[in-house]
């Protein structure tokens, strides 16, 4: 956490909570009342992009209500990280409802902060997202709190107090607002209606279509791969006047399990640990891969350290989904856990799974500080790291990282594995999008500039679409 904003955050939070009464919404169900904002009288929906490459926040203004689709936490450099702190932007307080496409921090991690400032409208999510959300938020809150305490004790907090983006006590307030909605069920929303469709990739992940006044908008976050080992592929894209589409990361070079196993074998042969920055909530794919590799003899018998407050809670949600035969699951796909799962790092080589996956916060930081200088260590990076994060620095070959106020040399072997195969690549996303008649406009969001512009160009070249990459903060009619 940057020292440039920690000192002012505590005072700002107190002031924001006092001011938040101006933006309170009436209890649900009811009419939206937003003091200090102009009436919602225009006919065409208006859409403001308040997120960026690492946090989804899309504000849709409808004739009767403002809806925030995604309430994500930003990851990356200080300029983005500071946006996770008080006071919340007025536009977020003005929302009459929040719709969460998934439970990950990039789509739901700002909700506790918004609720802590007094917002108490309804939050709609699929049952899977509703089940995972308390685990994801509690896991992050505890790790953020540990970071803040360590910063105070270690002296790298800067001149002011170290304050986390949100606290463990903020999570129950946010979770209490959640209203589960089944896939394919029309939900009425003050003159509008919306429905969820299966997005794949993560349990509970959804695209959402919102309709009002004869106009419709579809929001599609990261889409799951058609060959996902445990989840069914995304539902077809419905027709809409506008489409908000997440840019997929560049395709990986395949053979993830084999390359990961080779990295583990090299580190173990050197007598070193393998560190994998990953959150326990959402890391069920990694645990399953580890269990399968060990069972097949592809990696040596090695303890797996799951260093997370959430423990196996997210895995238990997936196992419940398997027992109850949730429709979004493949019949044959199952979550597995390694045979030797421990909580403390042993004296012999082990595989350490610690969050957060950005390597900017959480319990992964002390592991990085201790292990990066050791040339026996292996660091395995899954997925495409968010720009500006420590994980991205490691993936790009950084030879030192600043951790806890000190520069740490990077002598460990870093293996950037790229795509995990759980999410659709550019070709799959393009195929999914153009299989349905085109919208009037497609907006490509939630990605780095290069893949975002590449997808927009492909939509134009392949199907003649009007496809744009909106600026952060840009407002359009749709």
Protein backbone atom coordinates (compact mmCIF):
# COMPACT_ATOMS: atom_id res chain seq x y z
CA UNK A 1 0.00 0.00 0.00
CA UNK A 2 1.44 3.35 -1.00
CA UNK A 3 2.56 5.73 1.74
CA UNK A 4 1.33 8.70 -0.33
CA UNK A 5 -2.32 8.07 0.43
CA UNK A 6 -2.44 6.08 3.68
CA UNK A 7 -2.24 9.09 5.97
CA UNK A 8 -5.21 10.93 4.53
CA UNK A 9 -7.49 7.95 4.06
CA UNK A 10 -8.69 7.68 7.68
CA UNK A 11 -9.80 11.32 7.82
CA UNK A 12 -11.32 11.08 4.35
CA UNK A 13 -13.31 8.00 5.33
CA UNK A 14 -14.84 9.78 8.32
CA UNK A 15 -15.75 12.81 6.22
CA UNK A 16 -17.17 10.66 3.45
CA UNK A 17 -19.42 8.78 5.85
CA UNK A 18 -20.79 12.04 7.22
CA UNK A 19 -21.42 13.27 3.70
CA UNK A 20 -22.89 10.02 2.43
CA UNK A 21 -26.37 10.83 3.73
CA UNK A 22 -26.80 13.08 0.69
CA UNK A 23 -26.65 10.03 -1.55
CA UNK A 24 -28.64 7.45 0.34
CA UNK A 25 -31.13 5.40 -1.59
CA UNK A 26 -34.47 4.41 -0.16
CA UNK A 27 -34.84 0.84 1.15
CA UNK A 28 -35.63 -1.74 -1.55
CA UNK A 29 -38.23 -2.09 -3.05
CA UNK A 30 -39.11 1.53 -3.65
CA UNK A 31 -38.35 4.63 -5.60
CA UNK A 32 -34.85 5.91 -6.05
CA UNK A 33 -34.23 9.29 -4.40
CA UNK A 34 -30.86 10.89 -5.05
CA UNK A 35 -30.45 14.31 -3.50
CA UNK A 36 -28.29 16.74 -5.41
CA UNK A 37 -28.48 14.98 -8.80
CA UNK A 38 -30.54 15.95 -11.83
CA UNK A 39 -33.76 14.00 -12.55
CA UNK A 40 -33.50 10.96 -14.75
CA UNK A 41 -35.62 12.27 -17.62
CA UNK A 42 -33.73 11.39 -20.81
CA UNK A 43 -35.13 8.58 -22.95
CA UNK A 44 -31.99 6.81 -24.17
CA UNK A 45 -29.87 5.01 -21.59
CA UNK A 46 -26.57 6.71 -20.78
CA UNK A 47 -23.50 4.73 -19.87
CA UNK A 48 -20.43 5.99 -17.98
CA UNK A 49 -17.26 3.90 -17.83
CA UNK A 50 -15.85 4.40 -14.34
CA UNK A 51 -13.52 1.42 -14.28
CA UNK A 52 -10.46 0.68 -16.33
CA UNK A 53 -8.18 -2.18 -17.20
CA UNK A 54 -8.36 -3.76 -13.74
CA UNK A 55 -11.68 -2.76 -12.17
CA UNK A 56 -15.20 -3.03 -13.60
CA UNK A 57 -17.52 -0.13 -12.74
CA UNK A 58 -20.09 0.73 -15.40
CA UNK A 59 -22.88 3.17 -14.47
CA UNK A 60 -26.02 2.78 -16.59
CA UNK A 61 -28.56 5.64 -16.33
CA UNK A 62 -32.09 4.54 -17.16
CA UNK A 63 -35.32 6.56 -17.11
CA UNK A 64 -36.18 5.38 -13.61
CA UNK A 65 -32.95 4.28 -11.98
CA UNK A 66 -29.16 4.28 -12.15
CA UNK A 67 -27.58 0.82 -12.10
CA UNK A 68 -23.92 0.11 -11.35
CA UNK A 69 -22.73 -3.01 -13.19
CA UNK A 70 -19.62 -4.20 -11.41
CA UNK A 71 -18.19 -2.61 -8.28
CA UNK A 72 -14.58 -3.60 -8.67
CA UNK A 73 -11.36 -2.91 -6.82
CA UNK A 74 -8.51 -1.44 -8.84
CA UNK A 75 -5.11 -3.11 -9.01
CA UNK A 76 -1.87 -1.64 -10.24
CA UNK A 77 0.18 1.51 -9.71
CA UNK A 78 -0.53 4.12 -7.03
CA UNK A 79 -2.67 6.23 -9.37
CA UNK A 80 -5.14 3.35 -9.64
CA UNK A 81 -4.73 1.97 -6.12
CA UNK A 82 -5.64 5.33 -4.58
CA UNK A 83 -9.06 5.10 -6.22
CA UNK A 84 -9.93 2.26 -3.83
CA UNK A 85 -10.09 4.65 -0.89
CA UNK A 86 -12.54 7.21 0.47
CA UNK A 87 -14.37 9.17 -0.54
CA UNK A 88 -16.23 7.06 -3.07
CA UNK A 89 -17.08 8.89 -6.29
CA UNK A 90 -20.48 10.58 -6.19
CA UNK A 91 -21.56 8.56 -9.22
CA UNK A 92 -21.31 5.32 -7.25
CA UNK A 93 -23.40 6.66 -4.38
CA UNK A 94 -25.99 7.76 -6.95
CA UNK A 95 -26.64 4.18 -8.07
CA UNK A 96 -29.97 2.73 -7.06
CA UNK A 97 -28.78 -0.86 -7.48
CA UNK A 98 -25.60 -2.83 -8.11
CA UNK A 99 -25.32 -5.87 -10.37
CA UNK A 100 -22.26 -8.08 -9.83
CA UNK A 101 -21.07 -10.13 -12.84
CA UNK A 102 -18.81 -12.27 -10.63
CA UNK A 103 -17.33 -12.51 -7.14
CA UNK A 104 -13.70 -11.66 -7.95
CA UNK A 105 -12.18 -8.46 -6.56
CA UNK A 106 -12.02 -6.83 -9.98
CA UNK A 107 -15.82 -6.97 -10.19
CA UNK A 108 -16.94 -6.90 -6.55
CA UNK A 109 -14.04 -5.74 -4.35
CA UNK A 110 -15.18 -2.13 -3.91
CA UNK A 111 -18.61 -3.07 -2.56
CA UNK A 112 -17.56 -3.11 1.14
CA UNK A 113 -16.16 0.40 0.84
CA UNK A 114 -19.34 1.66 -0.82
CA UNK A 115 -21.51 0.05 1.86
CA UNK A 116 -19.25 1.39 4.63
CA UNK A 117 -20.01 4.93 3.43
CA UNK A 118 -23.73 4.39 3.85
CA UNK A 119 -24.99 3.04 0.53
CA UNK A 120 -27.61 0.35 1.09
CA UNK A 121 -29.40 -0.43 -2.17
CA UNK A 122 -29.93 -3.96 -3.50
CA UNK A 123 -27.03 -5.94 -4.94
CA UNK A 124 -27.98 -8.59 -7.47
CA UNK A 125 -25.81 -11.63 -8.22
CA UNK A 126 -26.16 -15.24 -9.33
CA UNK A 127 -26.38 -17.88 -6.59
CA UNK A 128 -22.78 -18.94 -7.29
CA UNK A 129 -21.48 -15.40 -6.97
CA UNK A 130 -23.57 -14.87 -3.83
CA UNK A 131 -22.04 -18.01 -2.28
CA UNK A 132 -18.45 -17.06 -3.12
CA UNK A 133 -18.68 -13.34 -2.38
CA UNK A 134 -18.40 -13.53 1.45
CA UNK A 135 -15.36 -15.78 1.10
CA UNK A 136 -13.59 -13.58 -1.45
CA UNK A 137 -14.26 -10.34 0.43
CA UNK A 138 -13.44 -11.74 3.88
CA UNK A 139 -10.22 -13.29 2.58
CA UNK A 140 -9.11 -9.98 1.04
CA UNK A 141 -10.20 -7.90 4.05
CA UNK A 142 -8.14 -10.00 6.47
CA UNK A 143 -5.09 -9.82 4.23
CA UNK A 144 -5.46 -6.07 3.76
CA UNK A 145 -5.74 -5.67 7.54
CA UNK A 146 -2.62 -7.76 8.06
CA UNK A 147 -0.80 -5.59 5.51
CA UNK A 148 -1.80 -2.43 7.38
CA UNK A 149 -0.69 -3.76 10.77
CA UNK A 150 2.61 -4.95 9.33
CA UNK A 151 3.17 -1.55 7.70
CA UNK A 152 2.65 0.22 11.02
CA UNK A 153 4.90 -2.17 12.90
CA UNK A 154 7.58 -2.24 10.22
CA UNK A 155 7.76 1.50 9.67
CA UNK A 156 7.02 1.55 5.94
CA UNK A 157 3.53 3.06 6.32
CA UNK A 158 4.73 6.62 5.74
CA UNK A 159 3.81 9.69 7.80
CA UNK A 160 0.16 8.74 8.35
CA UNK A 161 -1.63 5.64 9.59
CA UNK A 162 -1.80 2.59 7.33
CA UNK A 163 -5.43 1.95 6.42
CA UNK A 164 -6.75 -0.95 4.30
CA UNK A 165 -9.18 -0.38 1.41
CA UNK A 166 -11.87 -2.03 3.51
CA UNK A 167 -12.02 -3.83 6.84
CA UNK A 168 -13.34 -7.24 7.91
CA UNK A 169 -16.25 -5.57 9.69
CA UNK A 170 -17.30 -3.90 6.42
CA UNK A 171 -17.88 -7.24 4.69
CA UNK A 172 -21.07 -8.43 6.47
CA UNK A 173 -22.74 -5.07 5.77
CA UNK A 174 -22.00 -5.44 2.06
CA UNK A 175 -22.93 -9.12 1.84
CA UNK A 176 -26.28 -8.47 3.54
CA UNK A 177 -27.32 -6.40 0.53
CA UNK A 178 -26.97 -9.29 -1.93
CA UNK A 179 -30.10 -10.72 -3.60
CA UNK A 180 -29.45 -13.97 -5.52
CA UNK A 181 -31.06 -14.21 -8.97
CA UNK A 182 -31.05 -17.41 -11.02
CA UNK A 183 -29.70 -17.52 -14.56
CA UNK A 184 -32.37 -16.77 -17.18
CA UNK A 185 -34.83 -15.23 -14.71
CA UNK A 186 -36.23 -11.78 -15.55
CA UNK A 187 -35.86 -9.40 -12.60
CA UNK A 188 -37.87 -6.16 -12.49
CA UNK A 189 -35.98 -3.05 -11.53
CA UNK A 190 -37.95 0.25 -11.30
CA UNK A 191 -39.12 0.41 -14.91
CA UNK A 192 -36.31 -1.78 -16.20
CA UNK A 193 -35.64 -5.48 -16.23
CA UNK A 194 -32.51 -7.58 -16.35
CA UNK A 195 -31.44 -11.20 -16.65
CA UNK A 196 -28.25 -13.16 -16.11
CA UNK A 197 -26.72 -15.55 -18.62
CA UNK A 198 -23.91 -18.00 -17.98
CA UNK A 199 -20.46 -16.50 -18.75
CA UNK A 200 -18.30 -19.46 -17.71
CA UNK A 201 -14.72 -19.26 -16.52
CA UNK A 202 -15.63 -18.95 -12.83
CA UNK A 203 -18.46 -20.43 -10.81
CA UNK A 204 -21.33 -17.94 -10.77
CA UNK A 205 -19.87 -15.67 -13.46
CA UNK A 206 -22.52 -14.09 -15.67
CA UNK A 207 -23.21 -11.73 -18.50
CA UNK A 208 -26.17 -9.45 -17.87
CA UNK A 209 -28.74 -7.93 -20.21
CA UNK A 210 -30.61 -4.83 -19.02
CA UNK A 211 -33.68 -3.53 -20.88
CA UNK A 212 -35.66 -0.33 -20.42
CA UNK A 213 -37.77 1.88 -22.68
CA UNK A 214 -37.29 -0.33 -25.71
CA UNK A 215 -33.47 -0.24 -25.46
CA UNK A 216 -31.13 -2.93 -24.18
CA UNK A 217 -27.51 -3.24 -23.12
CA UNK A 218 -25.51 -6.44 -22.57
CA UNK A 219 -22.52 -6.46 -20.23
CA UNK A 220 -20.16 -9.37 -20.77
CA UNK A 221 -17.14 -9.67 -18.52
CA UNK A 222 -14.39 -12.25 -19.08
CA UNK A 223 -15.90 -15.26 -20.87
CA UNK A 224 -15.03 -18.84 -20.03
CA UNK A 225 -13.29 -21.12 -22.48
CA UNK A 226 -15.44 -23.57 -24.41
CA UNK A 227 -13.13 -26.38 -23.22
CA UNK A 228 -13.13 -25.39 -19.56
CA UNK A 229 -12.44 -28.54 -17.54
CA UNK A 230 -15.26 -28.02 -15.03
CA UNK A 231 -17.70 -25.37 -16.28
CA UNK A 232 -20.01 -25.21 -19.25
CA UNK A 233 -19.29 -22.66 -21.99
CA UNK A 234 -21.00 -19.25 -22.04
CA UNK A 235 -24.63 -18.96 -23.03
CA UNK A 236 -25.10 -17.36 -26.48
CA UNK A 237 -25.04 -13.59 -26.61
CA UNK A 238 -28.55 -12.11 -26.68
CA UNK A 239 -29.48 -9.32 -29.08
CA UNK A 240 -28.97 -5.82 -27.73
CA UNK A 241 -28.59 -2.22 -28.85
CA UNK A 242 -25.22 -1.93 -27.09
CA UNK A 243 -22.64 -4.46 -25.97
CA UNK A 244 -20.01 -3.92 -23.28
CA UNK A 245 -17.40 -6.61 -23.81
CA UNK A 246 -14.30 -7.41 -21.79
CA UNK A 247 -11.13 -7.66 -23.83
CA UNK A 248 -9.57 -11.13 -23.56
CA UNK A 249 -5.87 -11.51 -22.80
CA UNK A 250 -3.57 -12.67 -25.60
CA UNK A 251 -3.70 -16.45 -26.07
CA UNK A 252 -1.25 -18.54 -24.10
CA UNK A 253 1.19 -20.94 -25.66
CA UNK A 254 -0.58 -23.99 -24.26
CA UNK A 255 0.69 -26.95 -22.24
CA UNK A 256 0.10 -25.10 -18.95
CA UNK A 257 0.13 -28.24 -16.79
CA UNK A 258 3.30 -29.57 -18.41
CA UNK A 259 5.16 -26.27 -18.15
CA UNK A 260 4.04 -25.83 -14.54
CA UNK A 261 5.15 -29.36 -13.66
CA UNK A 262 8.56 -28.73 -15.26
CA UNK A 263 8.97 -25.52 -13.19
CA UNK A 264 8.10 -27.45 -10.02
CA UNK A 265 10.55 -30.24 -10.81
CA UNK A 266 13.38 -27.77 -11.46
CA UNK A 267 12.84 -25.97 -8.15
CA UNK A 268 12.50 -29.18 -6.13
CA UNK A 269 15.67 -30.57 -7.72
CA UNK A 270 17.46 -27.40 -6.59
CA UNK A 271 16.09 -27.90 -3.08
CA UNK A 272 13.88 -24.81 -3.28
CA UNK A 273 10.25 -23.89 -2.73
CA UNK A 274 7.79 -22.98 -5.47
CA UNK A 275 5.73 -19.85 -4.81
CA UNK A 276 2.45 -19.31 -6.67
CA UNK A 277 0.74 -15.94 -6.12
CA UNK A 278 -2.95 -16.88 -6.09
CA UNK A 279 -5.95 -16.26 -3.89
CA UNK A 280 -7.45 -19.31 -2.20
CA UNK A 281 -10.90 -18.07 -3.22
CA UNK A 282 -10.76 -18.77 -6.94
CA UNK A 283 -7.73 -21.03 -6.80
CA UNK A 284 -9.67 -24.27 -7.11
CA UNK A 285 -8.33 -24.76 -10.63
CA UNK A 286 -4.76 -24.58 -9.35
CA UNK A 287 -5.42 -27.01 -6.51
CA UNK A 288 -7.09 -29.43 -8.92
CA UNK A 289 -4.15 -29.22 -11.29
CA UNK A 290 -1.70 -29.88 -8.45
CA UNK A 291 -3.68 -32.91 -7.29
CA UNK A 292 -3.87 -34.32 -10.82
CA UNK A 293 -0.17 -33.74 -11.55
CA UNK A 294 0.82 -35.46 -8.30
CA UNK A 295 -1.52 -38.40 -8.99
CA UNK A 296 -0.01 -38.82 -12.46
CA UNK A 297 3.55 -38.66 -11.12
CA UNK A 298 4.30 -35.47 -13.11
CA UNK A 299 5.52 -33.67 -9.97
CA UNK A 300 7.26 -35.20 -6.96
CA UNK A 301 5.40 -35.77 -3.70
CA UNK A 302 5.54 -32.24 -2.35
CA UNK A 303 3.61 -30.52 0.46
CA UNK A 304 1.23 -27.81 -0.72
CA UNK A 305 0.98 -24.82 1.62
CA UNK A 306 -2.35 -23.00 1.33
CA UNK A 307 -1.57 -19.75 3.11
CA UNK A 308 -4.90 -17.95 3.12
CA UNK A 309 -7.52 -16.93 5.68
CA UNK A 310 -10.16 -18.45 3.40
CA UNK A 311 -8.54 -21.88 3.46
CA UNK A 312 -10.65 -24.37 1.56
CA UNK A 313 -13.90 -22.42 1.87
CA UNK A 314 -14.16 -21.71 -1.86
CA UNK A 315 -13.42 -25.35 -2.65
CA UNK A 316 -16.31 -26.35 -0.38
CA UNK A 317 -18.66 -24.12 -2.39
CA UNK A 318 -17.58 -25.90 -5.57
CA UNK A 319 -18.01 -29.29 -3.95
CA UNK A 320 -21.52 -28.31 -2.86
CA UNK A 321 -22.25 -27.25 -6.44
CA UNK A 322 -21.10 -30.70 -7.60
CA UNK A 323 -23.30 -32.49 -5.05
CA UNK A 324 -26.32 -30.38 -6.01
CA UNK A 325 -25.64 -30.71 -9.75
CA UNK A 326 -25.63 -27.01 -10.55
CA UNK A 327 -26.46 -26.52 -14.21
CA UNK A 328 -23.30 -24.51 -14.96
CA UNK A 329 -21.02 -27.48 -14.16
CA UNK A 330 -19.80 -30.12 -16.58
CA UNK A 331 -20.96 -33.56 -15.52
CA UNK A 332 -17.43 -34.92 -15.41
CA UNK A 333 -15.62 -31.88 -14.02
CA UNK A 334 -14.60 -32.10 -10.37
CA UNK A 335 -12.53 -30.00 -8.00
CA UNK A 336 -9.75 -31.93 -6.27
CA UNK A 337 -7.27 -31.00 -3.55
CA UNK A 338 -3.68 -32.21 -3.07
CA UNK A 339 -3.16 -35.13 -0.71
CA UNK A 340 -0.60 -33.31 1.45
CA UNK A 341 -2.16 -29.92 2.18
CA UNK A 342 -0.55 -27.99 5.07
CA UNK A 343 -0.76 -24.52 6.60
CA UNK A 344 2.87 -23.90 7.58
CA UNK A 345 5.90 -23.85 5.29
CA UNK A 346 7.98 -26.98 6.04
CA UNK A 347 11.77 -27.20 6.04
CA UNK A 348 11.75 -29.24 2.84
CA UNK A 349 10.73 -28.06 -0.65
CA UNK A 350 7.05 -27.22 -0.95
CA UNK A 351 4.56 -25.47 -3.20
CA UNK A 352 3.28 -22.30 -1.51
CA UNK A 353 -0.03 -20.86 -2.69
CA UNK A 354 -0.55 -17.38 -1.24
CA UNK A 355 -2.62 -14.36 -2.30
CA UNK A 356 -3.24 -11.98 -3.66
CA UNK A 357 -2.45 -12.93 -7.25
CA UNK A 358 -1.36 -9.37 -8.08
CA UNK A 359 1.50 -9.78 -5.54
CA UNK A 360 0.75 -6.20 -4.45
CA UNK A 361 -1.01 -7.17 -1.21
CA UNK A 362 -1.67 -10.11 1.02
CA UNK A 363 0.27 -12.99 2.48
CA UNK A 364 2.31 -13.51 -0.68
CA UNK A 365 4.41 -10.44 0.19
CA UNK A 366 6.44 -11.91 3.10
CA UNK A 367 6.96 -15.08 1.06
CA UNK A 368 8.29 -13.02 -1.85
CA UNK A 369 10.57 -11.02 0.44
CA UNK A 370 12.01 -14.21 1.94
CA UNK A 371 12.25 -16.36 -1.20
CA UNK A 372 13.06 -14.07 -4.15
CA UNK A 373 16.75 -13.66 -3.15
CA UNK A 374 17.21 -17.45 -3.08
CA UNK A 375 18.24 -18.84 -6.50
CA UNK A 376 16.79 -22.23 -5.58
CA UNK A 377 13.27 -20.75 -5.49
CA UNK A 378 10.78 -21.03 -8.31
CA UNK A 379 7.97 -18.48 -8.79
CA UNK A 380 5.10 -19.54 -11.06
CA UNK A 381 2.78 -16.81 -12.36
CA UNK A 382 -0.63 -17.97 -13.57
CA UNK A 383 -2.73 -15.91 -15.96
CA UNK A 384 -1.85 -12.51 -17.33
CA UNK A 385 -0.86 -10.14 -14.49
CA UNK A 386 -2.64 -6.79 -14.25
CA UNK A 387 -0.46 -3.96 -15.60
CA UNK A 388 1.67 -2.17 -13.02
CA UNK A 389 1.43 -4.87 -10.34
CA UNK A 390 4.38 -6.67 -8.78
CA UNK A 391 3.29 -9.81 -10.59
CA UNK A 392 3.54 -7.93 -13.89
CA UNK A 393 7.00 -6.65 -12.93
CA UNK A 394 8.15 -10.19 -12.21
CA UNK A 395 6.68 -11.44 -15.48
CA UNK A 396 8.56 -8.75 -17.40
CA UNK A 397 11.90 -9.78 -15.90
CA UNK A 398 12.39 -7.32 -13.02
CA UNK A 399 15.65 -7.94 -11.18
CA UNK A 400 14.49 -6.30 -7.96
CA UNK A 401 11.17 -5.54 -6.28
CA UNK A 402 10.33 -3.05 -3.56
CA UNK A 403 8.60 -4.94 -0.76
CA UNK A 404 7.86 -3.57 2.69
CA UNK A 405 9.97 -0.48 2.13
CA UNK A 406 13.08 -2.32 0.93
CA UNK A 407 14.35 -3.45 -2.46
CA UNK A 408 14.64 -7.22 -2.72
CA UNK A 409 16.86 -8.81 -5.39
CA UNK A 410 15.14 -11.29 -7.70
CA UNK A 411 17.43 -14.31 -7.98
CA UNK A 412 14.61 -16.86 -8.11
CA UNK A 413 13.57 -18.50 -11.36
CA UNK A 414 10.34 -16.81 -12.50
CA UNK A 415 8.09 -18.72 -14.89
CA UNK A 416 5.25 -16.69 -16.45
CA UNK A 417 2.77 -19.33 -17.55
CA UNK A 418 0.25 -17.00 -19.18
CA UNK A 419 -3.27 -18.19 -19.88
CA UNK A 420 -4.66 -20.86 -17.56
CA UNK A 421 -7.05 -22.15 -20.22
CA UNK A 422 -10.11 -21.34 -18.10
CA UNK A 423 -10.98 -18.17 -20.03
CA UNK A 424 -11.68 -17.62 -23.70
CA UNK A 425 -8.96 -16.19 -25.89
CA UNK A 426 -9.43 -13.53 -28.60
CA UNK A 427 -10.66 -15.96 -31.26
CA UNK A 428 -13.29 -17.51 -28.97
CA UNK A 429 -14.53 -14.12 -27.76
CA UNK A 430 -14.80 -12.87 -31.34
CA UNK A 431 -16.73 -15.98 -32.36
CA UNK A 432 -19.11 -15.62 -29.39
CA UNK A 433 -19.76 -11.96 -30.16
CA UNK A 434 -20.42 -12.14 -33.90
CA UNK A 435 -22.64 -15.24 -33.71
CA UNK A 436 -25.55 -12.90 -32.90
CA UNK A 437 -26.64 -9.90 -35.02
CA UNK A 438 -24.49 -6.88 -34.22
CA UNK A 439 -25.37 -4.17 -31.73
CA UNK A 440 -25.38 -0.54 -32.75
CA UNK A 441 -22.15 -0.08 -30.79
CA UNK A 442 -19.77 -2.39 -28.97
CA UNK A 443 -17.58 -1.02 -26.19
CA UNK A 444 -14.42 -3.00 -25.41
CA UNK A 445 -13.39 -2.58 -21.77
CA UNK A 446 -11.55 -4.23 -18.83
CA UNK A 447 -8.32 -4.92 -20.64
CA UNK A 448 -4.93 -3.56 -21.53
CA UNK A 449 -4.85 -1.09 -24.42
CA UNK A 450 -3.25 -3.42 -26.95
CA UNK A 451 -5.68 -6.38 -26.69
CA UNK A 452 -8.63 -4.00 -26.30
CA UNK A 453 -7.86 -2.19 -29.54
CA UNK A 454 -7.06 -5.49 -31.24
CA UNK A 455 -10.52 -6.86 -30.41
CA UNK A 456 -12.23 -3.64 -31.51
CA UNK A 457 -10.38 -3.77 -34.84
CA UNK A 458 -11.24 -7.44 -35.28
CA UNK A 459 -14.95 -6.77 -34.67
CA UNK A 460 -14.85 -4.05 -37.32
CA UNK A 461 -12.80 -6.05 -39.83
CA UNK A 462 -14.58 -9.40 -39.42
CA UNK A 463 -18.17 -8.24 -39.01
CA UNK A 464 -18.28 -4.53 -39.84
CA UNK A 465 -19.18 -3.55 -36.29
CA UNK A 466 -18.93 -0.10 -34.76
CA UNK A 467 -16.55 -1.04 -31.96
CA UNK A 468 -14.70 1.42 -29.74
CA UNK A 469 -12.45 1.39 -26.70
CA UNK A 470 -13.93 4.03 -24.38
CA UNK A 471 -11.85 6.32 -22.23
CA UNK A 472 -11.92 5.95 -18.45
CA UNK A 473 -14.72 8.25 -17.27
CA UNK A 474 -16.29 8.62 -20.73
CA UNK A 475 -20.10 8.94 -20.88
CA UNK A 476 -22.08 7.81 -23.95
CA UNK A 477 -25.72 7.37 -24.94
CA UNK A 478 -26.66 3.85 -25.89
